[in-house]
Amino acid sequence: MEVLGIDVGGSGIKGAMVDTQTGELISDRIRIPTPKPSKPKKVAKVIDKIVSKFDYSGTIGVCFPTIVVNNKAMSAGNISSKWKGIQVDSLLKSRTGHDYVIYNDADMAGLAEMRLGVGRDHQKGKVLMITIGTGLGSGMFMDGKLIPNMELGRIFGKDGEPIEYYAGDRARKKADLSWKKWGKRFNFYLEHLVRICSPDLFILGGGASKKYHKFQKKIKIDTPIKIASLLNNAGIVGAALAAEAEMENQNLL
């Protein structure tokens, strides 16, 4: 099936048509910077602009950097706090006329990798997808099944603030750290996840995962690590898979 997927991030909003059998993007990927401030109406306007680029009438999948329950944003991660409590599917439908299905961004990136990427052969045991972007997203899978809204980037770090403020990619840029110095911080985060979650595999995605070779030597955990094969398109692909499931009345969870 050919489905439109949209990935809303802290710095950019991306959309493309996806072949849900292969995970291939079958259109140009449209990227527009996330508006500042990223309030609901402003983000909805950007999504409307992206949707208008495609001749598509089906359900649209969207992944968001928030906890999402029944298409409602229950928190605000790296976007405006005004999103908390917003029924996202209704807001977007009122803007574009399309039906929508909304999920957490890291959950959808993980879904894409577990279905079509490096997680395909890991359908037994516990897999943690970690997306390294503006912050740190996480998607947990047990025996191939998604356990939604595991916000492991929000656990407390060394200074009592969410650990993504210490070990996310924005923290690396803000402190002007080399990849090796930042790698020590990211290793601290992974060690913490090993202690509290005992995963059988980590999958690393998001923009910074493409630089893994630059900080790999600083990662000291014994748990195997794989780099997401869908790279920064995983959220788009996962959102499209979620929309396909909605249109075919399948239970995604």
Protein backbone atom coordinates (compact mmCIF):
# COMPACT_ATOMS: atom_id res chain seq x y z
CA MET A 1 0.00 0.00 0.00
CA GLU A 2 1.16 3.57 -0.69
CA VAL A 3 0.58 5.70 2.41
CA LEU A 4 1.55 9.20 3.53
CA GLY A 5 3.60 9.36 6.72
CA ILE A 6 4.61 12.51 8.63
CA ASP A 7 7.22 12.86 11.35
CA VAL A 8 6.98 15.89 13.66
CA GLY A 9 10.29 16.63 15.36
CA GLY A 10 11.68 19.35 17.56
CA SER A 11 13.60 20.92 14.68
CA GLY A 12 11.83 19.75 11.52
CA ILE A 13 8.58 18.30 10.18
CA LYS A 14 9.02 15.72 7.42
CA GLY A 15 6.61 13.86 5.17
CA ALA A 16 6.73 11.40 2.29
CA MET A 17 4.77 8.68 0.54
CA VAL A 18 5.81 5.21 1.69
CA ASP A 19 5.56 1.76 0.15
CA THR A 20 4.45 -0.07 3.29
CA GLN A 21 5.59 -3.45 1.95
CA THR A 22 9.22 -2.40 1.57
CA GLY A 23 9.59 0.76 3.68
CA GLU A 24 10.87 2.63 0.63
CA LEU A 25 10.05 6.31 0.24
CA ILE A 26 8.34 6.54 -3.16
CA SER A 27 8.21 10.33 -3.30
CA ASP A 28 10.46 13.22 -2.47
CA ARG A 29 10.75 13.81 1.27
CA ILE A 30 9.38 17.22 2.16
CA ARG A 31 10.98 18.88 5.18
CA ILE A 32 9.91 22.17 6.72
CA PRO A 33 11.48 23.59 9.91
CA THR A 34 9.32 23.22 12.99
CA PRO A 35 7.86 26.67 13.75
CA LYS A 36 9.09 28.57 16.78
CA PRO A 37 7.18 28.52 19.03
CA SER A 38 5.76 25.15 17.99
CA LYS A 39 2.17 25.83 19.03
CA PRO A 40 -0.63 23.58 17.73
CA LYS A 41 -2.08 25.91 15.08
CA LYS A 42 1.36 26.75 13.71
CA VAL A 43 2.40 23.09 13.46
CA ALA A 44 -0.96 22.19 11.92
CA LYS A 45 -0.36 24.86 9.27
CA VAL A 46 3.00 23.30 8.38
CA ILE A 47 1.46 19.81 8.20
CA ASP A 48 -1.25 21.21 5.93
CA LYS A 49 1.46 22.60 3.66
CA ILE A 50 3.19 19.21 3.50
CA VAL A 51 -0.05 17.31 2.86
CA SER A 52 -0.93 19.68 0.02
CA LYS A 53 2.20 18.52 -1.84
CA PHE A 54 0.75 15.04 -2.31
CA ASP A 55 -2.22 13.70 -4.26
CA TYR A 56 -3.43 11.52 -1.40
CA SER A 57 -6.85 10.98 0.15
CA GLY A 58 -6.37 8.15 2.64
CA THR A 59 -5.61 8.14 6.36
CA ILE A 60 -2.37 9.91 7.23
CA GLY A 61 -0.01 8.62 9.90
CA VAL A 62 1.74 11.19 12.09
CA CYS A 63 4.32 10.60 14.81
CA PHE A 64 4.82 13.17 17.57
CA PRO A 65 7.53 13.79 20.21
CA THR A 66 4.98 13.36 23.02
CA ILE A 67 3.16 10.64 24.90
CA VAL A 68 0.12 9.84 22.73
CA VAL A 69 -3.00 8.00 23.94
CA ASN A 70 -5.97 7.55 21.60
CA ASN A 71 -4.56 10.23 19.27
CA LYS A 72 -4.33 12.78 22.11
CA ALA A 73 -1.04 14.41 23.15
CA MET A 74 -0.65 13.71 26.86
CA SER A 75 2.64 15.54 27.31
CA ALA A 76 4.94 17.97 25.52
CA GLY A 77 8.47 16.79 24.87
CA ASN A 78 10.52 18.94 22.52
CA ILE A 79 7.57 20.95 21.26
CA SER A 80 5.34 23.62 22.82
CA SER A 81 3.66 22.83 26.14
CA LYS A 82 0.42 24.00 24.48
CA TRP A 83 0.14 20.53 22.91
CA LYS A 84 -0.67 18.87 26.22
CA GLY A 85 -4.27 17.64 26.12
CA ILE A 86 -4.77 18.38 22.41
CA GLN A 87 -6.76 15.84 20.36
CA VAL A 88 -4.24 15.88 17.54
CA ASP A 89 -6.20 13.90 14.96
CA SER A 90 -9.22 16.20 15.27
CA LEU A 91 -7.10 19.35 15.02
CA LEU A 92 -5.35 18.16 11.88
CA LYS A 93 -8.56 16.87 10.27
CA SER A 94 -10.19 20.26 10.80
CA ARG A 95 -7.27 21.80 8.90
CA THR A 96 -6.85 19.37 5.97
CA GLY A 97 -10.00 17.23 5.84
CA HIS A 98 -8.04 13.97 6.06
CA ASP A 99 -8.34 11.25 8.68
CA TYR A 100 -5.28 10.85 10.92
CA VAL A 101 -3.74 8.36 13.30
CA ILE A 102 -1.20 9.70 15.81
CA TYR A 103 1.52 7.87 17.76
CA ASN A 104 4.71 8.65 19.66
CA ASP A 105 7.65 9.27 17.33
CA ALA A 106 10.15 6.80 18.79
CA ASP A 107 7.44 4.12 18.97
CA MET A 108 6.87 4.53 15.24
CA ALA A 109 10.57 4.57 14.41
CA GLY A 110 10.88 1.33 16.37
CA LEU A 111 7.85 -0.18 14.64
CA ALA A 112 9.42 0.52 11.25
CA GLU A 113 12.70 -1.11 12.26
CA MET A 114 10.99 -4.12 13.84
CA ARG A 115 8.81 -4.70 10.77
CA LEU A 116 11.07 -3.70 7.90
CA GLY A 117 14.53 -2.91 9.27
CA VAL A 118 17.26 -4.36 11.46
CA GLY A 119 14.76 -5.66 14.05
CA ARG A 120 13.03 -8.08 11.67
CA ASP A 121 15.04 -11.04 12.97
CA HIS A 122 14.60 -10.07 16.65
CA GLN A 123 11.00 -10.97 17.39
CA LYS A 124 11.85 -12.72 20.66
CA GLY A 125 12.97 -10.98 23.82
CA LYS A 126 13.19 -7.28 24.63
CA VAL A 127 14.35 -4.69 22.09
CA LEU A 128 14.88 -1.00 22.86
CA MET A 129 14.83 1.53 20.03
CA ILE A 130 16.60 4.75 21.01
CA THR A 131 16.29 7.77 18.74
CA ILE A 132 19.02 10.37 19.15
CA GLY A 133 17.66 13.67 17.94
CA THR A 134 16.85 16.95 19.65
CA GLY A 135 16.23 14.79 22.72
CA LEU A 136 16.22 11.03 23.36
CA GLY A 137 13.21 9.00 22.26
CA SER A 138 12.59 5.37 23.13
CA GLY A 139 10.44 2.55 21.85
CA MET A 140 10.22 -0.78 23.67
CA PHE A 141 9.26 -4.10 22.07
CA MET A 142 8.67 -7.40 23.85
CA ASP A 143 8.52 -10.45 21.60
CA GLY A 144 7.93 -8.10 18.69
CA LYS A 145 4.99 -6.31 20.33
CA LEU A 146 5.13 -2.57 21.02
CA ILE A 147 4.86 -1.38 24.62
CA PRO A 148 3.82 2.24 23.87
CA ASN A 149 4.93 5.52 25.40
CA MET A 150 8.08 4.41 27.19
CA GLU A 151 9.61 7.86 27.69
CA LEU A 152 13.07 6.72 28.76
CA GLY A 153 14.67 9.98 27.68
CA ARG A 154 12.81 11.61 30.56
CA ILE A 155 14.32 9.58 33.38
CA PHE A 156 16.44 11.68 35.72
CA GLY A 157 20.12 12.13 34.94
CA LYS A 158 23.11 13.16 37.01
CA ASP A 159 21.86 16.68 37.72
CA GLY A 160 18.24 15.78 38.49
CA GLU A 161 16.97 16.94 35.10
CA PRO A 162 15.69 14.63 32.32
CA ILE A 163 18.65 12.70 31.00
CA GLU A 164 18.04 13.85 27.42
CA TYR A 165 19.19 17.31 28.58
CA TYR A 166 22.55 15.67 29.33
CA ALA A 167 22.90 12.98 26.67
CA GLY A 168 20.73 14.09 23.74
CA ASP A 169 22.12 15.57 20.54
CA ARG A 170 20.97 19.07 21.45
CA ALA A 171 23.02 18.76 24.65
CA ARG A 172 26.07 17.79 22.56
CA LYS A 173 25.66 20.85 20.37
CA LYS A 174 24.90 23.19 23.26
CA ALA A 175 28.05 22.14 25.13
CA ASP A 176 30.07 22.03 21.89
CA LEU A 177 31.27 18.51 22.71
CA SER A 178 33.30 16.29 20.43
CA TRP A 179 31.61 13.05 19.45
CA LYS A 180 33.98 11.15 21.76
CA LYS A 181 33.25 13.33 24.78
CA TRP A 182 29.54 13.18 24.10
CA GLY A 183 29.86 9.41 23.62
CA LYS A 184 30.80 9.08 27.29
CA ARG A 185 27.52 10.77 28.20
CA PHE A 186 25.54 8.55 25.87
CA ASN A 187 27.25 5.47 27.29
CA PHE A 188 26.19 6.58 30.79
CA TYR A 189 22.60 6.68 29.50
CA LEU A 190 22.82 3.23 27.91
CA GLU A 191 24.35 1.77 31.08
CA HIS A 192 21.41 3.16 33.03
CA LEU A 193 18.93 1.57 30.59
CA VAL A 194 20.71 -1.79 30.86
CA ARG A 195 20.32 -1.67 34.64
CA ILE A 196 16.63 -0.83 34.64
CA CYS A 197 15.37 -2.59 31.47
CA SER A 198 17.79 -5.47 30.70
CA PRO A 199 17.21 -5.34 26.92
CA ASP A 200 18.45 -8.06 24.58
CA LEU A 201 19.20 -5.54 21.81
CA PHE A 202 19.49 -1.79 21.30
CA ILE A 203 18.59 -0.22 17.96
CA LEU A 204 19.94 3.30 17.56
CA GLY A 205 18.18 5.70 15.22
CA GLY A 206 17.72 9.42 14.69
CA GLY A 207 20.11 11.83 13.03
CA ALA A 208 23.07 11.23 15.37
CA SER A 209 23.02 7.47 14.77
CA LYS A 210 24.67 8.12 11.40
CA LYS A 211 27.76 9.24 13.35
CA TYR A 212 27.99 6.09 15.46
CA HIS A 213 31.46 5.31 14.16
CA LYS A 214 32.66 8.55 15.75
CA PHE A 215 31.63 7.60 19.31
CA GLN A 216 31.41 3.80 19.13
CA LYS A 217 34.65 3.27 21.10
CA LYS A 218 33.12 5.08 24.10
CA ILE A 219 30.20 2.64 24.32
CA LYS A 220 31.10 0.02 26.92
CA ILE A 221 27.88 -1.97 27.42
CA ASP A 222 27.73 -5.69 26.62
CA THR A 223 24.23 -5.55 25.09
CA PRO A 224 24.35 -5.82 21.28
CA ILE A 225 23.72 -2.61 19.31
CA LYS A 226 22.44 -2.25 15.76
CA ILE A 227 22.10 0.96 13.79
CA ALA A 228 18.67 1.60 12.30
CA SER A 229 18.68 0.74 8.61
CA LEU A 230 15.90 3.21 7.84
CA LEU A 231 17.96 5.97 9.51
CA ASN A 232 16.15 9.31 9.76
CA ASN A 233 13.20 8.07 7.69
CA ALA A 234 12.11 5.50 10.29
CA GLY A 235 9.49 7.81 11.86
CA ILE A 236 7.88 8.52 8.49
CA VAL A 237 7.81 4.82 7.63
CA GLY A 238 6.40 3.82 11.02
CA ALA A 239 3.69 6.49 10.79
CA ALA A 240 2.70 5.14 7.39
CA LEU A 241 2.53 1.60 8.79
CA ALA A 242 0.25 2.86 11.57
CA ALA A 243 -2.04 4.54 9.03
CA GLU A 244 -2.16 1.35 6.97
CA ALA A 245 -3.16 -0.64 10.07
CA GLU A 246 -5.91 1.90 10.79
CA MET A 247 -7.31 1.69 7.27
CA GLU A 248 -7.30 -2.12 7.38
CA ASN A 249 -8.85 -2.22 10.89
CA GLN A 250 -5.83 -3.98 12.33
CA ASN A 251 -4.76 -3.65 15.97
CA LEU A 252 -1.31 -2.07 15.92
CA LEU A 253 -0.57 -2.76 19.61
